[in-house]
Amino acid sequence: MTTQVLHLNKGAERRIRSGHHWIYSNEIDLNKSPLQAFESGSIANAVDFAGKGLGSFMVNPQALICARLVSRQMDRSLSSSVLKNRLKQALALREQCFAQPSYRWVYGDSDGLSGLVIDRFNDILTVQVSTAGMEQRLPVILEHLQRLVQPRGILVKNDGKMRASEGLDNYVEVAFGEVPEQVELIENGVRFLAPLMTGQKTGWFYDHRPNRLLAAQWAKARTVLDVFSYVGGWGITAAAHGAAAVTCVDASQLALKGVLANAELNNCADRVDTQAGDAFEVLERLNTEKTRFDVVIIDPPAFITRRKDMAAGERAYQRLNEMAMKLVSHGGLLVSASCSMHLDNDRLRDMIRSAGRKLDRHVVILAEGSQGADHPVLPAVPETRYIKAIFAQVSQSF
């Protein structure tokens, strides 16, 4: 069968040639290559306006990102052997970086598998697919996963927001073996139970691993407030590394039950307590009560999921940082984290500067963190870098 060809508009090839992996529907010359002629999930060659090859791409004519890179070479496919090799390569990288089999095994485009995420929890795997092409190849992927690591169970958790834009239905199912409600993982030497079935996303957030460890090192013998705690990734890490007292705040009672279970698991339950409620309301009440903490950690959900949310999202981040900074004791640490790809480091840094001036605080930045090695960044694809954390010491103004 002859491979179909995507013809790009004049100049649209620059981003691909600079290293990006995606082609948008408005970059296609629809006269030469009408998108409705392509099957969802099919592989096509892409050429520039002059007809020069750009590589092979996985196509979805329904999506704004209508083509995703398979190979810089023409006439390449996502065959079973290609999928296996890329899974093996991704696994080798993680095994080199982490002593324990607890990590994100596959991180989409960064591992040459656009639209595929796999998290590993020892002998349990969770798989998320967000592109039509990967959905079609999921049975082959599942076979390779079983052969490569012999898992006890594989959970396919296909309930992400991206699936609708690719014309995919949402579902969650056990694809292989047995998957318990909770799985144990080890991160930074700390044991956690992650709720796979009922938890957020894949059940755990490995992305902030290095930032949690850095915060914990500064939190030794200090009081800690962990806001948007989920099941205690930041707070329990701090407690396990010797924090004097940790308070975890989350809107979900189920998540806070997880915090207490993880505190028990790490023999630090006597130094961990929880507060349920809306984060902004809890922060307001703590300030009214004049409660202060040596370390305040804010790791909210993405307030900016789309570009059109920028203005409202930035206002929410600004307000949150100001409220959190009020609760930091003199000489204490504010850890301001974000998972919004649309909020860059410079903007978050400026929010902290602005909050410091508004509250008349002397603020110095001690460190800035990004995502862990199991979330490798493609330098030409800024969308693969979304995690940021700023560690700022806060004290009274001179």
Foldseek 3Di string as FASTA:
>chain_A
DDAAEWEFEAPQCPLLVVPDFFDFPVRTPCVVPNLVVDDQLDKHWYAYNVRHTQAIWGAQSQARRGTGHQDSHHPDDCDLVVLLVLLVVLQVLVVVVDVWQFFWSDAAVVSSHHQWTWTTARQEIEIEGQGPNVVVCVVSNVVSVCVPRVHQWYKYFHPDPNNVSRVHDGDIDTPDHDDDQWTWHAAPNAIAIFGCPPAPDRRDDQWCRVVLLVLLVQQACWEEEAEQQQLNSNQLSNQLSHHQAYEYEHQDPVSPVSVLVSCVVSVRNVRYDYDHDDRLVVLVVCVVVVAATQEYEYEDAAQDADPVSVVVSLVVLLSNLLSRLSRHAAQGKYKYKYQALVQDPVSSVVSNVVSCVVVQKDKDWDDKDWTDPSQDDRPSHSSSTRIIITIMTIHHHD
